[in-house]
Amino acid sequence: MAQAPQKKCPICGKPMVEEFKPFCSKRCADIDLNRWLTGNYVIPARDDELIDEGEDEF
């Protein structure tokens, strides 16, 4: 039976290490965390979303 291809670290592309899944090392995990904390990763929002009528605006 063929072995499934090994997953790669999303930061550097090296093979993933189970201990730091999905990364290859603590360094790459820390790089990813820093990107989240500094706002480099953003989940886009739509400006045209309707506000529920029952909610007050602040």
N, C-alpha and C. Protein backbone atom coordinates (compact mmCIF):
# COMPACT_ATOMS: atom_id res chain seq x y z
N MET A 1 0.84 -1.17 0.00
CA MET A 1 0.00 0.00 0.00
C MET A 1 0.90 1.24 0.00
N ALA A 2 0.54 2.23 -0.80
CA ALA A 2 1.33 3.46 -0.89
C ALA A 2 1.14 4.32 0.36
N GLN A 3 2.23 4.92 0.79
CA GLN A 3 2.19 5.79 1.96
C GLN A 3 1.68 7.17 1.56
N ALA A 4 0.84 7.77 2.41
CA ALA A 4 0.30 9.10 2.12
C ALA A 4 1.45 10.11 2.14
N PRO A 5 1.38 11.12 1.26
CA PRO A 5 2.45 12.13 1.26
C PRO A 5 2.50 12.86 2.61
N GLN A 6 3.72 13.12 3.06
CA GLN A 6 3.90 13.79 4.36
C GLN A 6 3.49 15.25 4.23
N LYS A 7 2.77 15.74 5.24
CA LYS A 7 2.34 17.13 5.22
C LYS A 7 3.52 18.04 5.50
N LYS A 8 3.45 19.24 4.97
CA LYS A 8 4.53 20.20 5.10
C LYS A 8 4.13 21.36 6.01
N CYS A 9 5.12 21.93 6.65
CA CYS A 9 4.93 23.09 7.52
C CYS A 9 4.42 24.26 6.68
N PRO A 10 3.35 24.93 7.11
CA PRO A 10 2.81 26.05 6.34
C PRO A 10 3.71 27.29 6.35
N ILE A 11 4.70 27.34 7.24
CA ILE A 11 5.58 28.50 7.31
C ILE A 11 6.81 28.32 6.41
N CYS A 12 7.51 27.17 6.55
CA CYS A 12 8.77 27.01 5.82
C CYS A 12 8.76 25.88 4.79
N GLY A 13 7.76 25.00 4.83
CA GLY A 13 7.66 23.93 3.85
C GLY A 13 8.40 22.65 4.21
N LYS A 14 9.08 22.62 5.37
CA LYS A 14 9.75 21.40 5.80
C LYS A 14 8.70 20.40 6.27
N PRO A 15 9.06 19.13 6.39
CA PRO A 15 8.09 18.13 6.86
C PRO A 15 7.58 18.46 8.27
N MET A 16 6.28 18.24 8.47
CA MET A 16 5.63 18.50 9.75
C MET A 16 6.16 17.54 10.81
N VAL A 17 6.27 18.02 12.05
CA VAL A 17 6.67 17.20 13.19
C VAL A 17 5.46 17.09 14.10
N GLU A 18 5.12 15.88 14.50
CA GLU A 18 3.91 15.62 15.28
C GLU A 18 3.84 16.49 16.54
N GLU A 19 4.96 16.70 17.21
CA GLU A 19 5.00 17.49 18.45
C GLU A 19 4.54 18.93 18.24
N PHE A 20 4.80 19.49 17.05
CA PHE A 20 4.48 20.89 16.76
C PHE A 20 3.40 21.03 15.69
N LYS A 21 2.65 19.98 15.46
CA LYS A 21 1.64 19.90 14.41
C LYS A 21 0.81 21.18 14.34
N PRO A 22 0.62 21.80 13.22
CA PRO A 22 0.99 21.42 11.86
C PRO A 22 2.34 21.97 11.41
N PHE A 23 3.16 22.41 12.35
CA PHE A 23 4.44 23.03 12.02
C PHE A 23 5.58 22.03 12.15
N CYS A 24 6.80 22.46 11.76
CA CYS A 24 7.97 21.58 11.85
C CYS A 24 8.76 21.84 13.12
N SER A 25 8.53 22.98 13.76
CA SER A 25 9.32 23.34 14.94
C SER A 25 8.58 24.38 15.78
N LYS A 26 9.08 24.61 16.98
CA LYS A 26 8.52 25.65 17.84
C LYS A 26 8.73 27.01 17.19
N ARG A 27 9.85 27.19 16.52
CA ARG A 27 10.14 28.46 15.86
C ARG A 27 9.05 28.81 14.85
N CYS A 28 8.67 27.86 13.99
CA CYS A 28 7.63 28.13 13.00
C CYS A 28 6.28 28.34 13.67
N ALA A 29 5.99 27.62 14.75
CA ALA A 29 4.74 27.84 15.49
C ALA A 29 4.72 29.24 16.07
N ASP A 30 5.86 29.70 16.59
CA ASP A 30 5.94 31.05 17.16
C ASP A 30 5.81 32.12 16.08
N ILE A 31 6.36 31.88 14.91
CA ILE A 31 6.22 32.82 13.79
C ILE A 31 4.74 32.97 13.43
N ASP A 32 4.03 31.86 13.36
CA ASP A 32 2.61 31.88 13.03
C ASP A 32 1.82 32.63 14.11
N LEU A 33 2.10 32.35 15.38
CA LEU A 33 1.42 33.05 16.48
C LEU A 33 1.67 34.55 16.40
N ASN A 34 2.90 34.94 16.14
CA ASN A 34 3.23 36.36 16.02
C ASN A 34 2.45 37.01 14.87
N ARG A 35 2.29 36.31 13.78
CA ARG A 35 1.52 36.86 12.65
C ARG A 35 0.07 37.10 13.04
N TRP A 36 -0.52 36.19 13.84
CA TRP A 36 -1.89 36.39 14.31
C TRP A 36 -1.96 37.58 15.26
N LEU A 37 -1.02 37.65 16.20
CA LEU A 37 -1.07 38.69 17.23
C LEU A 37 -0.79 40.09 16.68
N THR A 38 -0.03 40.19 15.60
CA THR A 38 0.27 41.50 15.03
C THR A 38 -0.69 41.91 13.92
N GLY A 39 -1.69 41.07 13.64
CA GLY A 39 -2.70 41.42 12.66
C GLY A 39 -2.34 41.12 11.22
N ASN A 40 -1.29 40.33 10.99
CA ASN A 40 -0.95 39.97 9.61
C ASN A 40 -1.99 39.04 8.99
N TYR A 41 -2.62 38.23 9.82
CA TYR A 41 -3.70 37.37 9.36
C TYR A 41 -5.00 38.07 9.74
N VAL A 42 -5.88 38.26 8.78
CA VAL A 42 -7.14 38.95 9.05
C VAL A 42 -8.27 38.18 8.39
N ILE A 43 -9.35 38.02 9.10
CA ILE A 43 -10.54 37.41 8.53
C ILE A 43 -11.37 38.56 7.98
N PRO A 44 -11.56 38.59 6.66
CA PRO A 44 -12.26 39.73 6.06
C PRO A 44 -13.73 39.81 6.49
N ALA A 45 -14.20 41.01 6.64
CA ALA A 45 -15.60 41.27 6.97
C ALA A 45 -16.22 42.06 5.83
N ARG A 46 -17.51 41.91 5.69
CA ARG A 46 -18.22 42.65 4.64
C ARG A 46 -18.81 43.91 5.24
N ASP A 47 -18.61 45.03 4.58
CA ASP A 47 -19.16 46.31 5.04
C ASP A 47 -20.68 46.37 4.86
N ASP A 48 -21.21 45.57 3.95
CA ASP A 48 -22.64 45.66 3.65
C ASP A 48 -23.49 44.72 4.50
N GLU A 49 -22.93 44.14 5.57
CA GLU A 49 -23.72 43.27 6.43
C GLU A 49 -24.76 44.10 7.18
N LEU A 50 -25.94 43.56 7.28
CA LEU A 50 -27.02 44.28 7.95
C LEU A 50 -26.89 44.14 9.46
N ILE A 51 -27.21 45.19 10.17
CA ILE A 51 -27.23 45.18 11.63
C ILE A 51 -28.62 44.77 12.06
N ASP A 52 -28.67 43.84 13.03
CA ASP A 52 -29.97 43.41 13.53
C ASP A 52 -30.72 44.61 14.11
N GLU A 53 -31.98 44.72 13.80
CA GLU A 53 -32.78 45.85 14.25
C GLU A 53 -32.93 45.88 15.77
N GLY A 54 -32.84 44.73 16.43
CA GLY A 54 -33.03 44.65 17.86
C GLY A 54 -31.79 45.06 18.64
N GLU A 55 -30.66 45.25 17.98
CA GLU A 55 -29.43 45.61 18.67
C GLU A 55 -29.22 47.11 18.67
N ASP A 56 -28.71 47.63 19.77
CA ASP A 56 -28.39 49.06 19.85
C ASP A 56 -26.97 49.26 19.32
N GLU A 57 -26.76 50.38 18.66
CA GLU A 57 -25.41 50.72 18.21
C GLU A 57 -24.74 51.55 19.28
N PHE A 58 -23.46 51.36 19.44
CA PHE A 58 -22.70 52.10 20.44
C PHE A 58 -21.86 53.14 19.77
